[in-house]
Amino acid sequence: MYVANSHRLLEYFIEVRPYYASFVLKELVNDLTIINQNATGNITVNNVVLIPGQEFNAGGNNGEINNQTFTVNVDAAATSVQVMVLLKRYTNVIYE
């Protein structure tokens, strides 16, 4: 356990996942970022359009967990599909 100024700190790690096609993401995370790394072509994240280079972030406050489903669709115009996902996960999290 980590403590700073009498506050218990939660340990976390960042998981990096590349995707090369449309996908659905449902993970227990504190924070997530979805980055459109396509050279051409947009992606949509839950109907939010991201042009190449843009990112979608669903940040969480300390101790929060996000259990939302994110649907990512790649535009048919994308020539070299790459979507990078960064997941901030707490260690030792269990579902009760």
PDB file of N, CA and C in Angstrom:
ATOM      1  N   MET A   1       0.849  -1.177   0.000  1.00  0.00           N
ATOM      2  CA  MET A   1       0.000   0.000   0.000  1.00  0.00           C
ATOM      3  C   MET A   1       0.892   1.237   0.000  1.00  0.00           C
ATOM      4  N   TYR A   2       0.455   2.244  -0.750  1.00  0.00           N
ATOM      5  CA  TYR A   2       1.175   3.502  -0.831  1.00  0.00           C
ATOM      6  C   TYR A   2       0.355   4.590  -0.138  1.00  0.00           C
ATOM      7  N   VAL A   3       1.032   5.449   0.609  1.00  0.00           N
ATOM      8  CA  VAL A   3       0.355   6.523   1.326  1.00  0.00           C
ATOM      9  C   VAL A   3       1.131   7.822   1.119  1.00  0.00           C
ATOM     10  N   ALA A   4       0.401   8.917   0.920  1.00  0.00           N
ATOM     11  CA  ALA A   4       1.002  10.249   0.813  1.00  0.00           C
ATOM     12  C   ALA A   4       0.101  11.216   1.560  1.00  0.00           C
ATOM     13  N   ASN A   5       0.653  11.904   2.533  1.00  0.00           N
ATOM     14  CA  ASN A   5      -0.121  12.859   3.336  1.00  0.00           C
ATOM     15  C   ASN A   5      -1.395  12.226   3.886  1.00  0.00           C
ATOM     16  N   SER A   6      -1.281  11.032   4.385  1.00  0.00           N
ATOM     17  CA  SER A   6      -2.355  10.231   4.987  1.00  0.00           C
ATOM     18  C   SER A   6      -3.431   9.782   4.001  1.00  0.00           C
ATOM     19  N   HIS A   7      -3.201   9.942   2.697  1.00  0.00           N
ATOM     20  CA  HIS A   7      -4.135   9.470   1.669  1.00  0.00           C
ATOM     21  C   HIS A   7      -3.597   8.179   1.062  1.00  0.00           C
ATOM     22  N   ARG A   8      -4.455   7.179   0.986  1.00  0.00           N
ATOM     23  CA  ARG A   8      -4.062   5.921   0.357  1.00  0.00           C
ATOM     24  C   ARG A   8      -4.010   6.126  -1.152  1.00  0.00           C
ATOM     25  N   LEU A   9      -2.910   5.739  -1.763  1.00  0.00           N
ATOM     26  CA  LEU A   9      -2.732   5.877  -3.205  1.00  0.00           C
ATOM     27  C   LEU A   9      -3.000   4.537  -3.883  1.00  0.00           C
ATOM     28  N   LEU A  10      -3.598   4.589  -5.052  1.00  0.00           N
ATOM     29  CA  LEU A  10      -3.907   3.388  -5.808  1.00  0.00           C
ATOM     30  C   LEU A  10      -2.845   3.187  -6.882  1.00  0.00           C
ATOM     31  N   GLU A  11      -2.330   1.983  -6.961  1.00  0.00           N
ATOM     32  CA  GLU A  11      -1.324   1.666  -7.972  1.00  0.00           C
ATOM     33  C   GLU A  11      -2.028   1.352  -9.290  1.00  0.00           C
ATOM     34  N   TYR A  12      -1.466   1.828 -10.399  1.00  0.00           N
ATOM     35  CA  TYR A  12      -2.041   1.566 -11.716  1.00  0.00           C
ATOM     36  C   TYR A  12      -0.942   1.325 -12.733  1.00  0.00           C
ATOM     37  N   PHE A  13      -1.358   0.862 -13.914  1.00  0.00           N
ATOM     38  CA  PHE A  13      -0.449   0.710 -15.035  1.00  0.00           C
ATOM     39  C   PHE A  13      -1.190   1.084 -16.310  1.00  0.00           C
ATOM     40  N   ILE A  14      -0.438   1.399 -17.355  1.00  0.00           N
ATOM     41  CA  ILE A  14      -1.017   1.750 -18.651  1.00  0.00           C
ATOM     42  C   ILE A  14      -0.848   0.563 -19.592  1.00  0.00           C
ATOM     43  N   GLU A  15      -1.975   0.093 -20.131  1.00  0.00           N
ATOM     44  CA  GLU A  15      -1.953  -0.981 -21.127  1.00  0.00           C
ATOM     45  C   GLU A  15      -2.124  -0.351 -22.503  1.00  0.00           C
ATOM     46  N   VAL A  16      -1.247  -0.701 -23.440  1.00  0.00           N
ATOM     47  CA  VAL A  16      -1.287  -0.155 -24.797  1.00  0.00           C
ATOM     48  C   VAL A  16      -1.783  -1.240 -25.743  1.00  0.00           C
ATOM     49  N   ARG A  17      -2.793  -0.909 -26.545  1.00  0.00           N
ATOM     50  CA  ARG A  17      -3.362  -1.873 -27.496  1.00  0.00           C
ATOM     51  C   ARG A  17      -3.523  -1.231 -28.870  1.00  0.00           C
ATOM     52  N   PRO A  18      -2.907  -1.789 -29.888  1.00  0.00           N
ATOM     53  CA  PRO A  18      -3.183  -1.325 -31.257  1.00  0.00           C
ATOM     54  C   PRO A  18      -4.330  -2.132 -31.863  1.00  0.00           C
ATOM     55  N   TYR A  19      -5.156  -1.490 -32.663  1.00  0.00           N
ATOM     56  CA  TYR A  19      -6.232  -2.160 -33.404  1.00  0.00           C
ATOM     57  C   TYR A  19      -6.092  -1.801 -34.876  1.00  0.00           C
ATOM     58  N   TYR A  20      -6.503  -2.725 -35.744  1.00  0.00           N
ATOM     59  CA  TYR A  20      -6.346  -2.534 -37.188  1.00  0.00           C
ATOM     60  C   TYR A  20      -7.667  -2.669 -37.936  1.00  0.00           C
ATOM     61  N   ALA A  21      -8.765  -2.642 -37.216  1.00  0.00           N
ATOM     62  CA  ALA A  21     -10.106  -2.720 -37.802  1.00  0.00           C
ATOM     63  C   ALA A  21     -11.088  -2.184 -36.756  1.00  0.00           C
ATOM     64  N   SER A  22     -12.351  -2.078 -37.125  1.00  0.00           N
ATOM     65  CA  SER A  22     -13.380  -1.640 -36.184  1.00  0.00           C
ATOM     66  C   SER A  22     -13.451  -2.616 -35.010  1.00  0.00           C
ATOM     67  N   PHE A  23     -13.860  -2.113 -33.830  1.00  0.00           N
ATOM     68  CA  PHE A  23     -13.912  -2.963 -32.643  1.00  0.00           C
ATOM     69  C   PHE A  23     -14.850  -2.376 -31.600  1.00  0.00           C
ATOM     70  N   VAL A  24     -15.200  -3.215 -30.625  1.00  0.00           N
ATOM     71  CA  VAL A  24     -15.981  -2.791 -29.463  1.00  0.00           C
ATOM     72  C   VAL A  24     -15.112  -3.009 -28.237  1.00  0.00           C
ATOM     73  N   LEU A  25     -15.093  -2.011 -27.356  1.00  0.00           N
ATOM     74  CA  LEU A  25     -14.234  -2.053 -26.174  1.00  0.00           C
ATOM     75  C   LEU A  25     -15.098  -1.899 -24.928  1.00  0.00           C
ATOM     76  N   LYS A  26     -15.013  -2.868 -24.026  1.00  0.00           N
ATOM     77  CA  LYS A  26     -15.690  -2.782 -22.725  1.00  0.00           C
ATOM     78  C   LYS A  26     -14.719  -3.339 -21.703  1.00  0.00           C
ATOM     79  N   GLU A  27     -14.103  -2.438 -20.956  1.00  0.00           N
ATOM     80  CA  GLU A  27     -13.058  -2.800 -20.002  1.00  0.00           C
ATOM     81  C   GLU A  27     -13.263  -2.029 -18.705  1.00  0.00           C
ATOM     82  N   LEU A  28     -12.903  -2.632 -17.584  1.00  0.00           N
ATOM     83  CA  LEU A  28     -12.907  -1.922 -16.312  1.00  0.00           C
ATOM     84  C   LEU A  28     -11.609  -1.131 -16.213  1.00  0.00           C
ATOM     85  N   VAL A  29     -11.689   0.170 -16.479  1.00  0.00           N
ATOM     86  CA  VAL A  29     -10.511   1.027 -16.461  1.00  0.00           C
ATOM     87  C   VAL A  29     -10.845   2.332 -15.749  1.00  0.00           C
ATOM     88  N   ASN A  30      -9.816   3.045 -15.328  1.00  0.00           N
ATOM     89  CA  ASN A  30     -10.013   4.373 -14.758  1.00  0.00           C
ATOM     90  C   ASN A  30     -10.054   5.418 -15.860  1.00  0.00           C
ATOM     91  N   ASP A  31      -9.235   5.245 -16.868  1.00  0.00           N
ATOM     92  CA  ASP A  31      -9.071   6.242 -17.921  1.00  0.00           C
ATOM     93  C   ASP A  31      -8.783   5.501 -19.212  1.00  0.00           C
ATOM     94  N   LEU A  32      -9.268   6.033 -20.324  1.00  0.00           N
ATOM     95  CA  LEU A  32      -8.902   5.455 -21.616  1.00  0.00           C
ATOM     96  C   LEU A  32      -8.772   6.551 -22.650  1.00  0.00           C
ATOM     97  N   THR A  33      -7.857   6.328 -23.572  1.00  0.00           N
ATOM     98  CA  THR A  33      -7.655   7.237 -24.699  1.00  0.00           C
ATOM     99  C   THR A  33      -7.645   6.405 -25.969  1.00  0.00           C
ATOM    100  N   ILE A  34      -8.408   6.847 -26.966  1.00  0.00           N
ATOM    101  CA  ILE A  34      -8.461   6.192 -28.265  1.00  0.00           C
ATOM    102  C   ILE A  34      -7.924   7.196 -29.272  1.00  0.00           C
ATOM    103  N   ILE A  35      -6.842   6.828 -29.978  1.00  0.00           N
ATOM    104  CA  ILE A  35      -6.155   7.751 -30.884  1.00  0.00           C
ATOM    105  C   ILE A  35      -6.301   7.256 -32.328  1.00  0.00           C
ATOM    106  N   ASN A  36      -6.749   8.139 -33.206  1.00  0.00           N
ATOM    107  CA  ASN A  36      -6.834   7.815 -34.627  1.00  0.00           C
ATOM    108  C   ASN A  36      -5.460   8.050 -35.254  1.00  0.00           C
ATOM    109  N   GLN A  37      -4.705   6.975 -35.480  1.00  0.00           N
ATOM    110  CA  GLN A  37      -3.375   7.088 -36.080  1.00  0.00           C
ATOM    111  C   GLN A  37      -3.389   6.772 -37.568  1.00  0.00           C
ATOM    112  N   ASN A  38      -4.560   6.795 -38.180  1.00  0.00           N
ATOM    113  CA  ASN A  38      -4.651   6.569 -39.615  1.00  0.00           C
ATOM    114  C   ASN A  38      -4.014   7.728 -40.375  1.00  0.00           C
ATOM    115  N   ALA A  39      -3.397   7.400 -41.500  1.00  0.00           N
ATOM    116  CA  ALA A  39      -2.863   8.444 -42.375  1.00  0.00           C
ATOM    117  C   ALA A  39      -4.013   9.135 -43.104  1.00  0.00           C
ATOM    118  N   THR A  40      -5.018   8.357 -43.473  1.00  0.00           N
ATOM    119  CA  THR A  40      -6.215   8.886 -44.127  1.00  0.00           C
ATOM    120  C   THR A  40      -7.420   8.184 -43.526  1.00  0.00           C
ATOM    121  N   GLY A  41      -8.527   8.855 -43.493  1.00  0.00           N
ATOM    122  CA  GLY A  41      -9.760   8.229 -43.015  1.00  0.00           C
ATOM    123  C   GLY A  41     -10.048   8.527 -41.558  1.00  0.00           C
ATOM    124  N   ASN A  42     -11.308   8.731 -41.308  1.00  0.00           N
ATOM    125  CA  ASN A  42     -11.776   9.040 -39.960  1.00  0.00           C
ATOM    126  C   ASN A  42     -12.151   7.765 -39.223  1.00  0.00           C
ATOM    127  N   ILE A  43     -12.300   7.895 -37.906  1.00  0.00           N
ATOM    128  CA  ILE A  43     -12.915   6.853 -37.104  1.00  0.00           C
ATOM    129  C   ILE A  43     -14.031   7.511 -36.301  1.00  0.00           C
ATOM    130  N   THR A  44     -14.968   6.713 -35.823  1.00  0.00           N
ATOM    131  CA  THR A  44     -15.980   7.222 -34.909  1.00  0.00           C
ATOM    132  C   THR A  44     -15.908   6.420 -33.619  1.00  0.00           C
ATOM    133  N   VAL A  45     -16.030   7.126 -32.509  1.00  0.00           N
ATOM    134  CA  VAL A  45     -16.074   6.510 -31.184  1.00  0.00           C
ATOM    135  C   VAL A  45     -17.421   6.900 -30.592  1.00  0.00           C
ATOM    136  N   ASN A  46     -18.318   5.932 -30.469  1.00  0.00           N
ATOM    137  CA  ASN A  46     -19.681   6.204 -29.981  1.00  0.00           C
ATOM    138  C   ASN A  46     -20.281   7.416 -30.697  1.00  0.00           C
ATOM    139  N   ASN A  47     -20.179   7.418 -32.018  1.00  0.00           N
ATOM    140  CA  ASN A  47     -20.733   8.445 -32.904  1.00  0.00           C
ATOM    141  C   ASN A  47     -20.021   9.795 -32.845  1.00  0.00           C
ATOM    142  N   VAL A  48     -18.842   9.863 -32.209  1.00  0.00           N
ATOM    143  CA  VAL A  48     -18.009  11.069 -32.237  1.00  0.00           C
ATOM    144  C   VAL A  48     -16.947  10.854 -33.313  1.00  0.00           C
ATOM    145  N   VAL A  49     -16.899  11.737 -34.307  1.00  0.00           N
ATOM    146  CA  VAL A  49     -15.970  11.591 -35.428  1.00  0.00           C
ATOM    147  C   VAL A  49     -14.592  12.124 -35.035  1.00  0.00           C
ATOM    148  N   LEU A  50     -13.568  11.308 -35.303  1.00  0.00           N
ATOM    149  CA  LEU A  50     -12.175  11.724 -35.088  1.00  0.00           C
ATOM    150  C   LEU A  50     -11.445  11.695 -36.420  1.00  0.00           C
ATOM    151  N   ILE A  51     -10.864  12.823 -36.803  1.00  0.00           N
ATOM    152  CA  ILE A  51     -10.053  12.863 -38.011  1.00  0.00           C
ATOM    153  C   ILE A  51      -8.665  12.325 -37.664  1.00  0.00           C
ATOM    154  N   PRO A  52      -7.835  12.015 -38.664  1.00  0.00           N
ATOM    155  CA  PRO A  52      -6.493  11.508 -38.365  1.00  0.00           C
ATOM    156  C   PRO A  52      -5.743  12.425 -37.397  1.00  0.00           C
ATOM    157  N   GLY A  53      -5.159  11.814 -36.371  1.00  0.00           N
ATOM    158  CA  GLY A  53      -4.407  12.548 -35.364  1.00  0.00           C
ATOM    159  C   GLY A  53      -5.213  12.949 -34.133  1.00  0.00           C
ATOM    160  N   GLN A  54      -6.527  12.916 -34.220  1.00  0.00           N
ATOM    161  CA  GLN A  54      -7.349  13.282 -33.068  1.00  0.00           C
ATOM    162  C   GLN A  54      -7.492  12.108 -32.109  1.00  0.00           C
ATOM    163  N   GLU A  55      -7.861  12.435 -30.865  1.00  0.00           N
ATOM    164  CA  GLU A  55      -8.050  11.393 -29.867  1.00  0.00           C
ATOM    165  C   GLU A  55      -9.317  11.645 -29.060  1.00  0.00           C
ATOM    166  N   PHE A  56      -9.825  10.558 -28.503  1.00  0.00           N
ATOM    167  CA  PHE A  56     -11.002  10.560 -27.643  1.00  0.00           C
ATOM    168  C   PHE A  56     -10.542  10.093 -26.273  1.00  0.00           C
ATOM    169  N   ASN A  57     -10.888  10.850 -25.218  1.00  0.00           N
ATOM    170  CA  ASN A  57     -10.455  10.472 -23.879  1.00  0.00           C
ATOM    171  C   ASN A  57     -11.651  10.436 -22.944  1.00  0.00           C
ATOM    172  N   ALA A  58     -11.711   9.390 -22.130  1.00  0.00           N
ATOM    173  CA  ALA A  58     -12.723   9.272 -21.079  1.00  0.00           C
ATOM    174  C   ALA A  58     -11.960   9.138 -19.770  1.00  0.00           C
ATOM    175  N   GLY A  59     -11.590  10.262 -19.200  1.00  0.00           N
ATOM    176  CA  GLY A  59     -10.771  10.269 -17.996  1.00  0.00           C
ATOM    177  C   GLY A  59     -11.597  10.043 -16.744  1.00  0.00           C
ATOM    178  N   GLY A  60     -10.941   9.484 -15.749  1.00  0.00           N
ATOM    179  CA  GLY A  60     -11.604   9.240 -14.477  1.00  0.00           C
ATOM    180  C   GLY A  60     -10.867   9.917 -13.341  1.00  0.00           C
ATOM    181  N   ASN A  61     -11.595  10.248 -12.313  1.00  0.00           N
ATOM    182  CA  ASN A  61     -10.989  10.786 -11.103  1.00  0.00           C
ATOM    183  C   ASN A  61     -10.363   9.659 -10.300  1.00  0.00           C
ATOM    184  N   ASN A  62      -9.576  10.015  -9.316  1.00  0.00           N
ATOM    185  CA  ASN A  62      -8.903   9.033  -8.471  1.00  0.00           C
ATOM    186  C   ASN A  62      -9.907   8.048  -7.873  1.00  0.00           C
ATOM    187  N   GLY A  63      -9.677   6.762  -8.077  1.00  0.00           N
ATOM    188  CA  GLY A  63     -10.515   5.723  -7.506  1.00  0.00           C
ATOM    189  C   GLY A  63     -11.732   5.349  -8.325  1.00  0.00           C
ATOM    190  N   GLU A  64     -12.015   6.050  -9.419  1.00  0.00           N
ATOM    191  CA  GLU A  64     -13.183   5.733 -10.243  1.00  0.00           C
ATOM    192  C   GLU A  64     -12.871   4.622 -11.241  1.00  0.00           C
ATOM    193  N   ILE A  65     -13.904   3.879 -11.614  1.00  0.00           N
ATOM    194  CA  ILE A  65     -13.799   2.834 -12.634  1.00  0.00           C
ATOM    195  C   ILE A  65     -14.852   3.115 -13.699  1.00  0.00           C
ATOM    196  N   ASN A  66     -14.461   3.028 -14.967  1.00  0.00           N
ATOM    197  CA  ASN A  66     -15.372   3.210 -16.092  1.00  0.00           C
ATOM    198  C   ASN A  66     -15.707   1.832 -16.653  1.00  0.00           C
ATOM    199  N   ASN A  67     -16.996   1.530 -16.758  1.00  0.00           N
ATOM    200  CA  ASN A  67     -17.445   0.235 -17.272  1.00  0.00           C
ATOM    201  C   ASN A  67     -18.327   0.422 -18.507  1.00  0.00           C
ATOM    202  N   GLN A  68     -18.109   1.499 -19.238  1.00  0.00           N
ATOM    203  CA  GLN A  68     -18.900   1.842 -20.412  1.00  0.00           C
ATOM    204  C   GLN A  68     -18.430   1.047 -21.626  1.00  0.00           C
ATOM    205  N   THR A  69     -19.322   0.822 -22.567  1.00  0.00           N
ATOM    206  CA  THR A  69     -18.960   0.190 -23.840  1.00  0.00           C
ATOM    207  C   THR A  69     -18.647   1.285 -24.855  1.00  0.00           C
ATOM    208  N   PHE A  70     -17.510   1.133 -25.548  1.00  0.00           N
ATOM    209  CA  PHE A  70     -17.104   2.070 -26.594  1.00  0.00           C
ATOM    210  C   PHE A  70     -17.058   1.320 -27.921  1.00  0.00           C
ATOM    211  N   THR A  71     -17.820   1.826 -28.901  1.00  0.00           N
ATOM    212  CA  THR A  71     -17.853   1.232 -30.232  1.00  0.00           C
ATOM    213  C   THR A  71     -17.027   2.110 -31.160  1.00  0.00           C
ATOM    214  N   VAL A  72     -15.990   1.519 -31.755  1.00  0.00           N
ATOM    215  CA  VAL A  72     -15.076   2.252 -32.630  1.00  0.00           C
ATOM    216  C   VAL A  72     -15.233   1.710 -34.048  1.00  0.00           C
ATOM    217  N   ASN A  73     -15.613   2.585 -34.963  1.00  0.00           N
ATOM    218  CA  ASN A  73     -15.769   2.209 -36.367  1.00  0.00           C
ATOM    219  C   ASN A  73     -14.765   2.967 -37.215  1.00  0.00           C
ATOM    220  N   VAL A  74     -14.121   2.234 -38.110  1.00  0.00           N
ATOM    221  CA  VAL A  74     -13.127   2.811 -39.011  1.00  0.00           C
ATOM    222  C   VAL A  74     -13.798   3.126 -40.339  1.00  0.00           C
ATOM    223  N   ASP A  75     -13.579   4.346 -40.848  1.00  0.00           N
ATOM    224  CA  ASP A  75     -14.122   4.784 -42.129  1.00  0.00           C
ATOM    225  C   ASP A  75     -13.576   3.925 -43.261  1.00  0.00           C
ATOM    226  N   ALA A  76     -14.414   3.611 -44.218  1.00  0.00           N
ATOM    227  CA  ALA A  76     -13.997   2.779 -45.352  1.00  0.00           C
ATOM    228  C   ALA A  76     -12.886   3.439 -46.168  1.00  0.00           C
ATOM    229  N   ALA A  77     -12.723   4.758 -46.064  1.00  0.00           N
ATOM    230  CA  ALA A  77     -11.695   5.472 -46.822  1.00  0.00           C
ATOM    231  C   ALA A  77     -10.302   5.321 -46.224  1.00  0.00           C
ATOM    232  N   ALA A  78     -10.209   4.782 -45.026  1.00  0.00           N
ATOM    233  CA  ALA A  78      -8.897   4.637 -44.371  1.00  0.00           C
ATOM    234  C   ALA A  78      -8.063   3.615 -45.137  1.00  0.00           C
ATOM    235  N   THR A  79      -6.845   4.005 -45.504  1.00  0.00           N
ATOM    236  CA  THR A  79      -5.987   3.117 -46.296  1.00  0.00           C
ATOM    237  C   THR A  79      -5.093   2.245 -45.429  1.00  0.00           C
ATOM    238  N   SER A  80      -4.568   2.779 -44.367  1.00  0.00           N
ATOM    239  CA  SER A  80      -3.727   1.982 -43.465  1.00  0.00           C
ATOM    240  C   SER A  80      -4.268   2.191 -42.051  1.00  0.00           C
ATOM    241  N   VAL A  81      -5.111   1.277 -41.632  1.00  0.00           N
ATOM    242  CA  VAL A  81      -5.845   1.448 -40.381  1.00  0.00           C
ATOM    243  C   VAL A  81      -4.950   1.181 -39.183  1.00  0.00           C
ATOM    244  N   GLN A  82      -4.888   2.158 -38.282  1.00  0.00           N
ATOM    245  CA  GLN A  82      -4.292   1.919 -36.975  1.00  0.00           C
ATOM    246  C   GLN A  82      -4.956   2.837 -35.971  1.00  0.00           C
ATOM    247  N   VAL A  83      -5.529   2.207 -34.964  1.00  0.00           N
ATOM    248  CA  VAL A  83      -6.138   2.914 -33.855  1.00  0.00           C
ATOM    249  C   VAL A  83      -5.397   2.461 -32.604  1.00  0.00           C
ATOM    250  N   MET A  84      -4.872   3.409 -31.845  1.00  0.00           N
ATOM    251  CA  MET A  84      -4.130   3.078 -30.629  1.00  0.00           C
ATOM    252  C   MET A  84      -5.027   3.350 -29.425  1.00  0.00           C
ATOM    253  N   VAL A  85      -5.078   2.391 -28.515  1.00  0.00           N
ATOM    254  CA  VAL A  85      -5.882   2.519 -27.301  1.00  0.00           C
ATOM    255  C   VAL A  85      -4.953   2.448 -26.093  1.00  0.00           C
ATOM    256  N   LEU A  86      -5.086   3.412 -25.192  1.00  0.00           N
ATOM    257  CA  LEU A  86      -4.331   3.441 -23.943  1.00  0.00           C
ATOM    258  C   LEU A  86      -5.323   3.275 -22.799  1.00  0.00           C
ATOM    259  N   LEU A  87      -5.118   2.249 -21.986  1.00  0.00           N
ATOM    260  CA  LEU A  87      -6.014   1.947 -20.877  1.00  0.00           C
ATOM    261  C   LEU A  87      -5.279   2.120 -19.553  1.00  0.00           C
ATOM    262  N   LYS A  88      -5.808   2.948 -18.675  1.00  0.00           N
ATOM    263  CA  LYS A  88      -5.240   3.100 -17.338  1.00  0.00           C
ATOM    264  C   LYS A  88      -5.993   2.146 -16.415  1.00  0.00           C
ATOM    265  N   ARG A  89      -5.272   1.137 -15.924  1.00  0.00           N
ATOM    266  CA  ARG A  89      -5.868   0.103 -15.088  1.00  0.00           C
ATOM    267  C   ARG A  89      -5.274   0.144 -13.692  1.00  0.00           C
ATOM    268  N   TYR A  90      -6.141  -0.017 -12.694  1.00  0.00           N
ATOM    269  CA  TYR A  90      -5.666  -0.174 -11.323  1.00  0.00           C
ATOM    270  C   TYR A  90      -5.231  -1.630 -11.126  1.00  0.00           C
ATOM    271  N   THR A  91      -4.204  -1.826 -10.330  1.00  0.00           N
ATOM    272  CA  THR A  91      -3.816  -3.181  -9.971  1.00  0.00           C
ATOM    273  C   THR A  91      -4.712  -3.675  -8.843  1.00  0.00           C
ATOM    274  N   ASN A  92      -4.889  -4.977  -8.763  1.00  0.00           N
ATOM    275  CA  ASN A  92      -5.657  -5.632  -7.696  1.00  0.00           C
ATOM    276  C   ASN A  92      -7.114  -5.174  -7.614  1.00  0.00           C
ATOM    277  N   VAL A  93      -7.735  -4.909  -8.773  1.00  0.00           N
ATOM    278  CA  VAL A  93      -9.157  -4.548  -8.798  1.00  0.00           C
ATOM    279  C   VAL A  93      -9.960  -5.823  -8.985  1.00  0.00           C
ATOM    280  N   ILE A  94     -10.978  -5.997  -8.144  1.00  0.00           N
ATOM    281  CA  ILE A  94     -11.882  -7.132  -8.279  1.00  0.00           C
ATOM    282  C   ILE A  94     -13.306  -6.623  -8.390  1.00  0.00           C
ATOM    283  N   TYR A  95     -14.120  -7.378  -9.090  1.00  0.00           N
ATOM    284  CA  TYR A  95     -15.530  -7.030  -9.238  1.00  0.00           C
ATOM    285  C   TYR A  95     -16.308  -7.710  -8.138  1.00  0.00           C
ATOM    286  N   GLU A  96     -17.023  -6.943  -7.320  1.00  0.00           N
ATOM    287  CA  GLU A  96     -17.814  -7.499  -6.214  1.00  0.00           C
ATOM    288  C   GLU A  96     -19.280  -7.439  -6.495  1.00  0.00           C
TER     289      GLU A  96
END
